[in-house]
Amino acid sequence: MCLGESFASCGFLHSSLYVLLENLICSNFQIRSASDAVLHVVSSTCGYPTVGHLVLANSDYVIDSICRQLRHLDLNPHVPNVLAAMLSYIGLAHKILPLLEEPMRSVSLELEILGRHQHPDLTVPFLKAVAEITKASNREACSLLPQAVSLFEDVKSKMSDVEKKTMKGSVCSESRHDIDIDVSPMESGEDGGVCFDGVATPIEQWESILFSLNDSRRYRRTVGSIAGSCLLAATPLLTSLNQAACLISLDIVEDGILALAKVEEAFKQERETKEAVKQVCELCSFHGLSDTLDAFDDETDENRLLPAMNKIWPFLVACIRNKNPLAVRKCACVISNVVQICGGDFFSRRFYTDGPHFWKLLSTSPFQTKPISKQERTPLQLPYRSTSISSEVSVAEVSNLKVQAAVLNMIADLSRDKRSASALEAVLKKVSGIVVGIACSGVLGLHEASVNALVGLASIDSDLIWLLLADVYYSKKRDMPLPPTSDLPEVSQTLTPPSSPKGYLYAQYGGQSYGFDIDFSSVETVFKILHSRVFTSQVYS
């Protein structure tokens, strides 16, 4: 450090910066701490307020070093950890996002089947790096829409001024025509703009707006491209039996889908801005700018969200089918979020087709083992495939309970949100029957989650939920209420008591369940809660 500012000018900074970042992941605490201390000293000596600003100012050198080492992973197996640590350590990954396109291509190749086969120990480190890049993409995507809205408001304001000048010029033209003065309301200005009755509308300000719109468009496409690459790389690993890889992939999918949604929203806003600028160009006869606007028509390349979700969905279903308790809980939460982002209509047919894999998790009480049917028996295992003890036997009861609670919470979230509720319309009777059966049982660990799910489902069809609950409640209740008027039949005539538990409506709709026996105290509690929170409010609303 005796060189002071010459440390950077003599080239020592560029040659040592990557080495210092590399040692941040060293297993030796003393080396790791020393690297961190040196980075802070170098930042201060070179005039940077933080290490993040130091790395940001020299990010091209750092990324270039990473890209070189990614080409020789056998010699540099630590490089994915360096990339992940650097992006999380500096906290400024979003500011170097455009530079991450090249390393992201190499990372994507390593996460394909051949790359995972050659370097199996690097899968999780690479996924951690992709997760950091996805977080950065998501952060930048969330900032795109406010910027696009700000530019649109600026354009609308200037457009309003132009329209006022146009109207003023038209009025002046009419008055001059009345007194036989031949003056054109629109004349060319000396600065290349257009004059409205002597008031110039310079073309330079609209050129500046067009440059800003073009820069915004290019950066939006970069963010969308990187987010799409992250999703493409992580999606196949949703089915991984490695729990860490699966969980990181789920985080990537959640952040990546949100990023693509924000990119599409920004694109729609940019399109409105483009139309407004085009109107001004036509009004002011800025033919050159109008031609430039037509040159970058990219409406087709921003249809990213639903195609990406269409590819991801089968892997999410496969993740559910793997029955890893922690992964299933996380997957249920991710599905809840992505359905609300993409809209329920897109998933209606998918829940109808793939729903049984979800509802199967709710068909058996955690405290009772379900008989294994012929269809569910373990198929022939090939010798090179890893096998494990049956998950239904080895998984603890508490884990199964948490899985079922997670699925019930997913149902509650989807049904409460108007944007996602349509996803459950095709399977509403099936899902409602299952949830009513769980709510009416004595499984206390699922009581709150099942009630929340019923409240959500009641927001879609409250009559169906009341009918399913009343069918059980009044068949068990001894003191039957009298009808309010003699014209109405008694409850026992409307809801005939079933001859067996399988005769209840919830059992007919939801199918056979195991271990969820009816507990009348639970039935009464749930019916009263729903009556106060849903049924009564809808009667008087």
Protein backbone atom coordinates (compact mmCIF):
# COMPACT_ATOMS: atom_id res chain seq x y z
CA MET A 1 0.00 0.00 0.00
CA CYS A 2 3.08 2.23 -0.01
CA LEU A 3 2.40 2.88 -3.69
CA GLY A 4 -0.78 4.76 -2.81
CA GLU A 5 -2.71 5.85 -5.90
CA SER A 6 0.07 4.41 -8.10
CA PHE A 7 -1.14 0.96 -7.06
CA ALA A 8 -3.90 1.26 -9.65
CA SER A 9 -2.02 3.18 -12.34
CA CYS A 10 0.88 0.67 -12.32
CA GLY A 11 -1.51 -2.22 -13.03
CA PHE A 12 -1.27 -3.90 -9.66
CA LEU A 13 -4.99 -3.39 -8.97
CA HIS A 14 -6.21 -5.31 -12.00
CA SER A 15 -3.82 -8.19 -11.40
CA SER A 16 -4.65 -8.56 -7.71
CA LEU A 17 -8.35 -7.74 -7.49
CA TYR A 18 -9.56 -11.11 -8.75
CA VAL A 19 -7.12 -12.94 -6.46
CA LEU A 20 -8.49 -11.06 -3.47
CA LEU A 21 -12.08 -11.84 -4.44
CA GLU A 22 -11.10 -15.47 -4.98
CA ASN A 23 -9.77 -15.73 -1.44
CA LEU A 24 -13.08 -14.55 0.01
CA ILE A 25 -14.32 -18.14 -0.32
CA CYS A 26 -11.22 -19.70 1.24
CA SER A 27 -11.97 -22.26 3.94
CA ASN A 28 -9.24 -20.74 6.10
CA PHE A 29 -10.82 -18.03 8.24
CA GLN A 30 -7.57 -16.03 8.56
CA ILE A 31 -7.06 -15.89 4.78
CA ARG A 32 -10.71 -14.98 4.26
CA SER A 33 -10.55 -12.18 6.84
CA ALA A 34 -7.24 -10.90 5.48
CA SER A 35 -8.66 -10.72 1.94
CA ASP A 36 -11.66 -8.79 3.18
CA ALA A 37 -9.42 -6.35 5.09
CA VAL A 38 -7.13 -5.81 2.09
CA LEU A 39 -10.11 -5.16 -0.19
CA HIS A 40 -11.29 -2.42 2.15
CA VAL A 41 -7.81 -0.89 2.31
CA VAL A 42 -7.45 -0.96 -1.48
CA SER A 43 -10.90 0.63 -1.88
CA SER A 44 -10.00 3.44 0.48
CA THR A 45 -6.56 3.98 -1.06
CA CYS A 46 -7.97 4.15 -4.59
CA GLY A 47 -10.65 6.61 -3.55
CA TYR A 48 -13.70 4.33 -3.54
CA PRO A 49 -16.19 4.56 -0.63
CA THR A 50 -16.88 0.80 -0.54
CA VAL A 51 -15.53 -2.45 -1.93
CA GLY A 52 -18.63 -2.63 -4.09
CA HIS A 53 -17.72 0.60 -5.85
CA LEU A 54 -14.17 -0.67 -6.36
CA VAL A 55 -15.40 -3.88 -7.99
CA LEU A 56 -18.01 -1.98 -10.00
CA ALA A 57 -15.39 0.38 -11.43
CA ASN A 58 -13.21 -2.59 -12.43
CA SER A 59 -15.99 -5.07 -13.17
CA ASP A 60 -14.91 -5.60 -16.79
CA TYR A 61 -11.54 -6.94 -15.65
CA VAL A 62 -13.12 -9.16 -13.00
CA ILE A 63 -15.74 -10.62 -15.35
CA ASP A 64 -13.08 -11.18 -18.01
CA SER A 65 -11.01 -13.18 -15.52
CA ILE A 66 -14.06 -15.25 -14.55
CA CYS A 67 -14.90 -15.96 -18.20
CA ARG A 68 -11.34 -17.16 -18.89
CA GLN A 69 -11.40 -19.51 -15.93
CA LEU A 70 -14.86 -20.84 -16.80
CA ARG A 71 -13.33 -22.25 -19.99
CA HIS A 72 -11.02 -24.48 -17.92
CA LEU A 73 -13.11 -25.77 -15.04
CA ASP A 74 -10.91 -28.80 -14.49
CA LEU A 75 -8.10 -26.41 -13.51
CA ASN A 76 -10.36 -23.87 -11.79
CA PRO A 77 -13.16 -25.78 -10.02
CA HIS A 78 -13.54 -22.93 -7.53
CA VAL A 79 -14.67 -20.34 -10.10
CA PRO A 80 -18.48 -20.84 -9.64
CA ASN A 81 -18.07 -20.20 -5.92
CA VAL A 82 -16.02 -17.10 -6.71
CA LEU A 83 -18.75 -15.80 -9.03
CA ALA A 84 -21.50 -16.46 -6.48
CA ALA A 85 -19.49 -14.95 -3.62
CA MET A 86 -18.55 -11.89 -5.63
CA LEU A 87 -22.13 -11.16 -6.67
CA SER A 88 -23.49 -11.58 -3.14
CA TYR A 89 -20.53 -9.90 -1.41
CA ILE A 90 -20.48 -6.63 -3.35
CA GLY A 91 -24.28 -6.32 -3.46
CA LEU A 92 -24.12 -4.50 -6.79
CA ALA A 93 -24.81 -7.36 -9.20
CA HIS A 94 -27.70 -5.42 -10.71
CA LYS A 95 -25.32 -2.66 -11.82
CA ILE A 96 -23.08 -5.02 -13.78
CA LEU A 97 -25.96 -7.05 -15.21
CA PRO A 98 -25.12 -6.45 -18.91
CA LEU A 99 -21.61 -7.82 -18.29
CA LEU A 100 -23.04 -11.07 -16.94
CA GLU A 101 -24.45 -12.24 -20.27
CA GLU A 102 -21.19 -13.90 -21.35
CA PRO A 103 -20.49 -15.80 -18.09
CA MET A 104 -24.16 -16.76 -17.97
CA ARG A 105 -23.77 -18.59 -21.28
CA SER A 106 -20.92 -20.65 -19.86
CA VAL A 107 -22.85 -21.35 -16.66
CA SER A 108 -25.88 -22.50 -18.67
CA LEU A 109 -23.74 -25.01 -20.55
CA GLU A 110 -22.38 -26.40 -17.29
CA LEU A 111 -25.91 -26.90 -15.95
CA GLU A 112 -26.95 -28.97 -18.94
CA ILE A 113 -26.85 -32.77 -18.73
CA LEU A 114 -23.34 -33.16 -20.16
CA GLY A 115 -21.91 -30.41 -17.95
CA ARG A 116 -23.52 -31.85 -14.82
CA HIS A 117 -22.15 -35.28 -15.71
CA GLN A 118 -18.60 -33.96 -16.15
CA HIS A 119 -18.60 -31.77 -13.04
CA PRO A 120 -21.32 -33.07 -10.68
CA ASP A 121 -19.82 -31.34 -7.64
CA LEU A 122 -20.17 -27.92 -9.30
CA THR A 123 -23.93 -28.06 -9.90
CA VAL A 124 -24.94 -26.41 -6.62
CA PRO A 125 -22.19 -23.71 -6.77
CA PHE A 126 -23.26 -22.84 -10.30
CA LEU A 127 -26.90 -22.68 -9.22
CA LYS A 128 -25.94 -20.30 -6.42
CA ALA A 129 -24.30 -18.04 -8.99
CA VAL A 130 -27.39 -18.23 -11.21
CA ALA A 131 -29.56 -17.41 -8.18
CA GLU A 132 -27.56 -14.22 -7.57
CA ILE A 133 -27.85 -13.24 -11.23
CA THR A 134 -31.61 -13.90 -11.14
CA LYS A 135 -32.00 -11.72 -8.05
CA ALA A 136 -30.12 -8.94 -9.85
CA SER A 137 -32.35 -9.37 -12.93
CA ASN A 138 -35.44 -9.24 -10.76
CA ARG A 139 -34.26 -6.07 -9.04
CA GLU A 140 -33.52 -4.38 -12.35
CA ALA A 141 -36.80 -5.59 -13.87
CA CYS A 142 -38.73 -4.04 -10.98
CA SER A 143 -37.09 -0.68 -11.72
CA LEU A 144 -37.92 -0.80 -15.44
CA LEU A 145 -41.63 -0.04 -15.10
CA PRO A 146 -41.27 3.13 -12.96
CA GLN A 147 -38.67 4.41 -15.43
CA ALA A 148 -40.95 3.62 -18.37
CA VAL A 149 -43.89 5.34 -16.64
CA SER A 150 -41.75 8.41 -15.91
CA LEU A 151 -40.71 8.66 -19.56
CA PHE A 152 -44.33 8.24 -20.69
CA GLU A 153 -45.50 11.03 -18.38
CA ASP A 154 -42.75 13.29 -19.74
CA VAL A 155 -43.81 12.53 -23.31
CA LYS A 156 -47.49 13.12 -22.51
CA SER A 157 -46.64 16.48 -20.96
CA LYS A 158 -44.62 17.61 -23.98
CA MET A 159 -47.26 16.19 -26.31
CA SER A 160 -49.92 18.27 -24.53
CA ASP A 161 -47.81 21.40 -25.08
CA VAL A 162 -47.48 20.61 -28.78
CA GLU A 163 -51.24 20.09 -29.11
CA LYS A 164 -51.92 23.42 -27.38
CA LYS A 165 -49.52 25.19 -29.75
CA THR A 166 -51.22 23.50 -32.67
CA MET A 167 -54.64 24.69 -31.52
CA LYS A 168 -53.27 28.18 -30.90
CA GLY A 169 -51.78 28.24 -34.39
CA SER A 170 -55.09 27.16 -35.88
CA VAL A 171 -56.96 29.95 -34.05
CA CYS A 172 -54.43 32.57 -35.16
CA SER A 173 -54.67 31.31 -38.72
CA GLU A 174 -58.42 31.79 -38.73
CA SER A 175 -58.19 35.31 -37.31
CA ARG A 176 -55.53 36.32 -39.84
CA HIS A 177 -57.59 34.85 -42.65
CA ASP A 178 -60.48 37.09 -41.63
CA ILE A 179 -58.33 40.19 -42.12
CA ASP A 180 -56.73 38.86 -45.34
CA ILE A 181 -53.22 38.32 -43.91
CA ASP A 182 -51.56 35.38 -45.65
CA VAL A 183 -49.42 33.80 -42.89
CA SER A 184 -49.03 30.03 -42.54
CA PRO A 185 -49.78 28.76 -39.00
CA MET A 186 -46.93 26.25 -39.21
CA GLU A 187 -43.54 27.35 -40.47
CA SER A 188 -40.14 25.80 -40.30
CA GLY A 189 -38.05 27.01 -37.39
CA GLU A 190 -34.43 27.96 -37.75
CA ASP A 191 -33.38 25.14 -35.42
CA GLY A 192 -34.88 22.41 -37.55
CA GLY A 193 -38.06 22.30 -35.49
CA VAL A 194 -41.56 23.44 -36.31
CA CYS A 195 -43.05 26.83 -35.47
CA PHE A 196 -46.59 27.16 -34.22
CA ASP A 197 -47.37 30.86 -34.66
CA GLY A 198 -43.77 31.86 -33.92
CA VAL A 199 -43.26 29.37 -31.04
CA ALA A 200 -40.64 26.77 -31.95
CA THR A 201 -40.97 23.08 -31.20
CA PRO A 202 -37.33 21.91 -31.45
CA ILE A 203 -36.71 18.51 -32.92
CA GLU A 204 -33.73 18.04 -30.59
CA GLN A 205 -35.90 17.41 -27.52
CA TRP A 206 -37.80 14.68 -29.36
CA GLU A 207 -34.56 13.16 -30.59
CA SER A 208 -33.40 13.05 -26.96
CA ILE A 209 -36.65 11.34 -25.95
CA LEU A 210 -36.23 8.85 -28.77
CA PHE A 211 -32.67 8.08 -27.63
CA SER A 212 -33.93 7.53 -24.08
CA LEU A 213 -36.67 5.23 -25.35
CA ASN A 214 -34.19 3.28 -27.43
CA ASP A 215 -31.76 2.91 -24.49
CA SER A 216 -34.61 1.75 -22.26
CA ARG A 217 -35.66 -0.78 -24.88
CA ARG A 218 -32.15 -2.21 -25.24
CA TYR A 219 -31.65 -2.55 -21.48
CA ARG A 220 -35.10 -4.09 -21.03
CA ARG A 221 -34.25 -6.73 -23.63
CA THR A 222 -30.95 -7.42 -21.85
CA VAL A 223 -32.70 -7.92 -18.52
CA GLY A 224 -35.33 -10.16 -20.10
CA SER A 225 -32.71 -12.19 -21.92
CA ILE A 226 -30.65 -12.81 -18.78
CA ALA A 227 -33.72 -13.71 -16.72
CA GLY A 228 -34.82 -16.12 -19.45
CA SER A 229 -31.37 -17.71 -19.54
CA CYS A 230 -31.44 -18.22 -15.78
CA LEU A 231 -34.84 -19.91 -15.98
CA LEU A 232 -33.70 -22.11 -18.86
CA ALA A 233 -30.64 -23.23 -16.91
CA ALA A 234 -32.43 -23.94 -13.62
CA THR A 235 -35.72 -25.48 -14.79
CA PRO A 236 -34.52 -29.09 -15.37
CA LEU A 237 -33.02 -29.16 -11.88
CA LEU A 238 -36.46 -28.73 -10.30
CA THR A 239 -36.67 -32.52 -10.52
CA SER A 240 -33.28 -33.07 -8.91
CA LEU A 241 -33.12 -35.52 -6.00
CA ASN A 242 -30.45 -33.25 -4.52
CA GLN A 243 -32.48 -31.17 -2.09
CA ALA A 244 -30.14 -28.16 -2.18
CA ALA A 245 -30.17 -28.03 -6.00
CA CYS A 246 -33.96 -28.33 -6.08
CA LEU A 247 -34.53 -25.57 -3.51
CA ILE A 248 -32.14 -23.15 -5.24
CA SER A 249 -33.82 -23.89 -8.58
CA LEU A 250 -37.21 -23.06 -7.06
CA ASP A 251 -35.86 -19.70 -5.86
CA ILE A 252 -34.53 -19.01 -9.36
CA VAL A 253 -37.89 -19.85 -10.94
CA GLU A 254 -39.76 -17.58 -8.55
CA ASP A 255 -37.44 -14.59 -9.10
CA GLY A 256 -37.13 -15.26 -12.83
CA ILE A 257 -40.88 -15.39 -13.47
CA LEU A 258 -41.39 -12.16 -11.56
CA ALA A 259 -38.59 -10.54 -13.57
CA LEU A 260 -40.16 -11.59 -16.88
CA ALA A 261 -43.54 -10.27 -15.75
CA LYS A 262 -42.02 -6.88 -14.91
CA VAL A 263 -40.17 -6.84 -18.25
CA GLU A 264 -43.45 -7.42 -20.09
CA GLU A 265 -45.15 -4.64 -18.13
CA ALA A 266 -42.32 -2.27 -19.02
CA PHE A 267 -42.60 -3.31 -22.66
CA LYS A 268 -46.31 -2.48 -22.73
CA GLN A 269 -45.59 0.93 -21.21
CA GLU A 270 -42.83 1.57 -23.74
CA ARG A 271 -45.25 0.73 -26.53
CA GLU A 272 -47.64 3.42 -25.28
CA THR A 273 -44.74 5.89 -25.14
CA LYS A 274 -43.75 4.96 -28.68
CA GLU A 275 -47.30 5.57 -29.95
CA ALA A 276 -47.37 8.98 -28.25
CA VAL A 277 -44.03 9.97 -29.80
CA LYS A 278 -45.28 8.77 -33.17
CA GLN A 279 -48.33 11.03 -32.92
CA VAL A 280 -46.08 14.01 -32.23
CA CYS A 281 -43.87 13.10 -35.19
CA GLU A 282 -46.90 13.01 -37.47
CA LEU A 283 -48.25 16.24 -36.02
CA CYS A 284 -44.95 18.08 -36.42
CA SER A 285 -43.90 16.32 -39.65
CA PHE A 286 -40.78 14.81 -38.09
CA HIS A 287 -40.53 12.18 -40.81
CA GLY A 288 -36.98 11.17 -39.95
CA LEU A 289 -37.89 10.38 -36.34
CA SER A 290 -41.00 8.55 -37.45
CA ASP A 291 -38.90 6.27 -39.68
CA THR A 292 -36.52 5.63 -36.77
CA LEU A 293 -39.46 4.61 -34.57
CA ASP A 294 -40.64 2.11 -37.15
CA ALA A 295 -37.14 0.65 -37.38
CA PHE A 296 -37.16 -0.93 -33.89
CA ASP A 297 -40.49 -2.70 -33.80
CA ASP A 298 -39.88 -5.59 -31.35
CA GLU A 299 -43.36 -6.58 -30.26
CA THR A 300 -42.74 -10.28 -30.90
CA ASP A 301 -39.66 -10.73 -28.71
CA GLU A 302 -41.32 -9.75 -25.44
CA ASN A 303 -43.82 -12.58 -25.29
CA ARG A 304 -41.61 -14.38 -22.78
CA LEU A 305 -43.66 -14.97 -19.63
CA LEU A 306 -46.29 -17.55 -20.58
CA PRO A 307 -44.03 -19.55 -22.94
CA ALA A 308 -41.47 -19.80 -20.14
CA MET A 309 -44.16 -20.86 -17.66
CA ASN A 310 -45.43 -23.45 -20.11
CA LYS A 311 -41.99 -25.09 -20.12
CA ILE A 312 -41.55 -24.82 -16.35
CA TRP A 313 -44.91 -26.26 -15.28
CA PRO A 314 -44.17 -29.98 -15.99
CA PHE A 315 -41.00 -29.71 -13.89
CA LEU A 316 -42.92 -28.16 -11.00
CA VAL A 317 -45.36 -31.08 -11.16
CA ALA A 318 -42.42 -33.50 -11.21
CA CYS A 319 -41.02 -31.74 -8.12
CA ILE A 320 -44.33 -32.39 -6.35
CA ARG A 321 -44.27 -36.02 -7.44
CA ASN A 322 -40.78 -36.54 -5.98
CA LYS A 323 -42.38 -36.08 -2.52
CA ASN A 324 -39.35 -34.51 -0.90
CA PRO A 325 -41.12 -32.77 2.03
CA LEU A 326 -39.05 -29.60 2.09
CA ALA A 327 -39.02 -29.28 -1.70
CA VAL A 328 -42.79 -29.88 -1.93
CA ARG A 329 -43.49 -27.16 0.66
CA LYS A 330 -41.29 -24.70 -1.22
CA CYS A 331 -42.76 -25.75 -4.56
CA ALA A 332 -46.33 -25.16 -3.32
CA CYS A 333 -45.35 -21.64 -2.30
CA VAL A 334 -43.66 -20.99 -5.66
CA ILE A 335 -46.69 -22.28 -7.58
CA SER A 336 -48.95 -20.00 -5.55
CA ASN A 337 -46.81 -16.98 -6.47
CA VAL A 338 -46.28 -17.75 -10.16
CA VAL A 339 -49.99 -18.48 -10.75
CA GLN A 340 -50.87 -15.10 -9.26
CA ILE A 341 -48.23 -13.46 -11.47
CA CYS A 342 -49.26 -15.20 -14.71
CA GLY A 343 -53.02 -15.30 -14.10
CA GLY A 344 -55.26 -18.24 -13.27
CA ASP A 345 -56.75 -18.74 -16.75
CA PHE A 346 -53.45 -20.09 -18.02
CA PHE A 347 -53.42 -22.80 -15.33
CA SER A 348 -57.05 -23.93 -15.33
CA ARG A 349 -56.52 -26.83 -17.74
CA ARG A 350 -53.17 -27.66 -16.11
CA PHE A 351 -54.70 -28.05 -12.65
CA TYR A 352 -57.45 -30.16 -14.18
CA THR A 353 -54.86 -32.47 -15.79
CA ASP A 354 -52.09 -32.48 -13.18
CA GLY A 355 -54.17 -31.70 -10.09
CA PRO A 356 -54.35 -35.32 -8.87
CA HIS A 357 -50.65 -35.18 -8.01
CA PHE A 358 -51.40 -32.27 -5.66
CA TRP A 359 -54.66 -33.59 -4.20
CA LYS A 360 -53.07 -36.99 -3.55
CA LEU A 361 -50.93 -35.30 -0.90
CA LEU A 362 -54.14 -34.34 0.94
CA SER A 363 -55.95 -37.67 0.73
CA THR A 364 -54.27 -39.40 3.67
CA SER A 365 -53.91 -38.33 7.29
CA PRO A 366 -50.26 -38.01 8.40
CA PHE A 367 -51.12 -40.29 11.32
CA GLN A 368 -52.37 -43.19 9.22
CA THR A 369 -50.60 -45.10 6.46
CA LYS A 370 -52.50 -45.36 3.21
CA PRO A 371 -52.72 -48.83 1.64
CA ILE A 372 -50.44 -49.08 -1.40
CA SER A 373 -52.43 -49.77 -4.54
CA LYS A 374 -51.17 -51.64 -7.60
CA GLN A 375 -50.64 -48.36 -9.46
CA GLU A 376 -48.49 -46.95 -6.65
CA ARG A 377 -46.21 -49.92 -6.16
CA THR A 378 -42.51 -49.24 -6.77
CA PRO A 379 -41.69 -49.90 -10.45
CA LEU A 380 -38.66 -51.85 -11.63
CA GLN A 381 -35.54 -49.82 -10.79
CA LEU A 382 -32.61 -49.75 -13.18
CA PRO A 383 -29.25 -50.50 -11.51
CA TYR A 384 -27.72 -47.09 -12.24
CA ARG A 385 -30.64 -45.14 -10.78
CA SER A 386 -30.49 -44.22 -7.11
CA THR A 387 -33.20 -45.77 -4.96
CA SER A 388 -34.47 -44.92 -1.52
CA ILE A 389 -36.86 -46.32 1.01
CA SER A 390 -40.50 -45.56 0.28
CA SER A 391 -41.07 -41.91 1.09
CA GLU A 392 -44.48 -42.61 2.56
CA VAL A 393 -42.87 -44.86 5.17
CA SER A 394 -39.66 -42.99 5.89
CA VAL A 395 -41.02 -39.42 6.10
CA ALA A 396 -41.93 -38.30 9.60
CA GLU A 397 -45.55 -37.55 10.46
CA VAL A 398 -44.73 -33.93 11.24
CA SER A 399 -43.13 -33.50 7.81
CA ASN A 400 -46.24 -34.85 6.10
CA LEU A 401 -48.35 -32.53 8.22
CA LYS A 402 -46.30 -29.51 7.09
CA VAL A 403 -46.56 -30.62 3.47
CA GLN A 404 -50.35 -30.82 3.68
CA ALA A 405 -50.50 -27.43 5.40
CA ALA A 406 -48.38 -25.95 2.58
CA VAL A 407 -50.74 -27.35 -0.09
CA LEU A 408 -53.77 -26.02 1.82
CA ASN A 409 -52.11 -22.60 2.06
CA MET A 410 -51.50 -22.72 -1.69
CA ILE A 411 -55.22 -23.39 -2.25
CA ALA A 412 -56.12 -20.51 0.09
CA ASP A 413 -53.80 -18.07 -1.68
CA LEU A 414 -54.95 -19.03 -5.17
CA SER A 415 -58.67 -18.91 -4.36
CA ARG A 416 -58.54 -15.58 -2.50
CA ASP A 417 -56.80 -13.70 -5.30
CA LYS A 418 -59.18 -12.71 -8.11
CA ARG A 419 -56.40 -12.94 -10.67
CA SER A 420 -55.54 -16.55 -9.82
CA ALA A 421 -58.92 -17.92 -8.62
CA SER A 422 -59.90 -19.09 -12.11
CA ALA A 423 -57.09 -21.67 -11.95
CA LEU A 424 -59.23 -23.75 -9.56
CA GLU A 425 -62.61 -23.40 -11.29
CA ALA A 426 -62.32 -26.67 -13.23
CA VAL A 427 -61.45 -28.62 -10.06
CA LEU A 428 -63.47 -26.61 -7.54
CA LYS A 429 -65.79 -29.43 -6.45
CA LYS A 430 -62.93 -31.90 -6.09
CA VAL A 431 -60.76 -29.51 -4.07
CA SER A 432 -63.65 -28.29 -1.92
CA GLY A 433 -64.65 -31.85 -1.02
CA ILE A 434 -61.08 -32.71 0.03
CA VAL A 435 -60.62 -29.56 2.11
CA VAL A 436 -64.01 -29.95 3.85
CA GLY A 437 -63.07 -33.53 4.76
CA ILE A 438 -59.82 -32.34 6.36
CA ALA A 439 -61.50 -29.43 8.14
CA CYS A 440 -64.15 -31.72 9.63
CA SER A 441 -61.58 -34.17 10.96
CA GLY A 442 -59.84 -33.98 14.32
CA VAL A 443 -56.36 -33.29 12.89
CA LEU A 444 -55.52 -30.14 14.86
CA GLY A 445 -52.31 -29.42 12.96
CA LEU A 446 -54.34 -28.80 9.78
CA HIS A 447 -57.28 -26.98 11.36
CA GLU A 448 -56.14 -23.40 10.71
CA ALA A 449 -54.81 -24.11 7.21
CA SER A 450 -58.00 -25.95 6.17
CA VAL A 451 -60.25 -23.18 7.51
CA ASN A 452 -58.23 -20.57 5.60
CA ALA A 453 -58.54 -22.69 2.46
CA LEU A 454 -62.31 -22.95 2.94
CA VAL A 455 -62.61 -19.19 3.39
CA GLY A 456 -60.72 -18.74 0.14
CA LEU A 457 -62.79 -21.33 -1.73
CA ALA A 458 -65.97 -19.72 -0.41
CA SER A 459 -64.95 -16.50 -2.15
CA ILE A 460 -65.29 -18.44 -5.42
CA ASP A 461 -68.52 -20.35 -4.61
CA SER A 462 -69.87 -19.84 -1.10
CA ASP A 463 -73.02 -21.89 -1.81
CA LEU A 464 -70.95 -24.98 -2.58
CA ILE A 465 -68.91 -24.67 0.63
CA TRP A 466 -72.04 -24.10 2.74
CA LEU A 467 -73.74 -27.12 1.20
CA LEU A 468 -70.77 -29.41 1.84
CA LEU A 469 -70.43 -28.26 5.46
CA ALA A 470 -74.16 -28.21 6.18
CA ASP A 471 -74.48 -31.75 4.82
CA VAL A 472 -72.15 -32.95 7.59
CA TYR A 473 -73.19 -30.49 10.30
CA TYR A 474 -76.94 -31.09 10.20
CA SER A 475 -76.60 -34.86 9.84
CA LYS A 476 -74.74 -34.90 13.19
CA LYS A 477 -76.68 -32.19 14.97
CA ARG A 478 -79.48 -33.43 17.22
CA ASP A 479 -81.45 -30.20 17.68
CA MET A 480 -82.45 -29.37 14.12
CA PRO A 481 -83.48 -25.72 13.54
CA LEU A 482 -86.99 -25.09 12.25
CA PRO A 483 -87.41 -23.42 8.85
CA PRO A 484 -88.14 -19.66 9.06
CA THR A 485 -91.50 -20.13 7.29
CA SER A 486 -93.84 -23.05 6.85
CA ASP A 487 -93.40 -22.85 3.07
CA LEU A 488 -89.78 -24.08 3.35
CA PRO A 489 -89.00 -27.78 3.95
CA GLU A 490 -87.06 -28.92 6.98
CA VAL A 491 -83.32 -29.34 6.76
CA SER A 492 -83.55 -33.13 7.06
CA GLN A 493 -85.74 -33.21 3.96
CA THR A 494 -83.34 -31.00 1.98
CA LEU A 495 -80.13 -32.69 3.16
CA THR A 496 -80.95 -36.35 3.61
CA PRO A 497 -78.65 -38.03 6.17
CA PRO A 498 -76.30 -40.48 4.40
CA SER A 499 -76.40 -44.18 5.14
CA SER A 500 -72.59 -44.35 5.46
CA PRO A 501 -69.64 -41.91 5.69
CA LYS A 502 -69.03 -42.38 1.97
CA GLY A 503 -72.48 -40.92 1.30
CA TYR A 504 -71.54 -37.39 2.37
CA LEU A 505 -71.32 -34.89 -0.46
CA TYR A 506 -67.75 -33.94 0.43
CA ALA A 507 -66.71 -37.61 0.10
CA GLN A 508 -68.49 -37.96 -3.24
CA TYR A 509 -66.83 -34.81 -4.60
CA GLY A 510 -63.39 -35.21 -3.04
CA GLY A 511 -63.02 -38.97 -3.30
CA GLN A 512 -61.98 -41.51 -0.70
CA SER A 513 -59.66 -40.34 2.07
CA TYR A 514 -57.77 -42.21 4.77
CA GLY A 515 -57.59 -41.27 8.42
CA PHE A 516 -59.68 -38.09 8.18
CA ASP A 517 -62.61 -39.30 10.26
CA ILE A 518 -65.38 -36.86 11.10
CA ASP A 519 -65.14 -35.19 14.49
CA PHE A 520 -68.37 -33.37 15.31
CA SER A 521 -66.72 -30.78 17.54
CA SER A 522 -64.46 -29.85 14.62
CA VAL A 523 -67.44 -29.77 12.26
CA GLU A 524 -69.32 -27.46 14.61
CA THR A 525 -66.31 -25.17 15.08
CA VAL A 526 -65.62 -24.89 11.34
CA PHE A 527 -69.29 -24.31 10.51
CA LYS A 528 -69.56 -21.50 13.05
CA ILE A 529 -66.31 -19.87 11.85
CA LEU A 530 -67.44 -19.96 8.22
CA HIS A 531 -70.91 -18.78 9.22
CA SER A 532 -69.51 -15.67 10.89
CA ARG A 533 -66.69 -14.92 8.44
CA VAL A 534 -68.33 -15.79 5.12
CA PHE A 535 -71.96 -16.85 5.05
CA THR A 536 -73.44 -14.10 7.27
CA SER A 537 -71.52 -11.31 5.55
CA GLN A 538 -72.68 -12.49 2.12
CA VAL A 539 -76.30 -12.65 3.24
CA TYR A 540 -76.29 -9.00 4.27
CA SER A 541 -74.01 -7.66 1.54
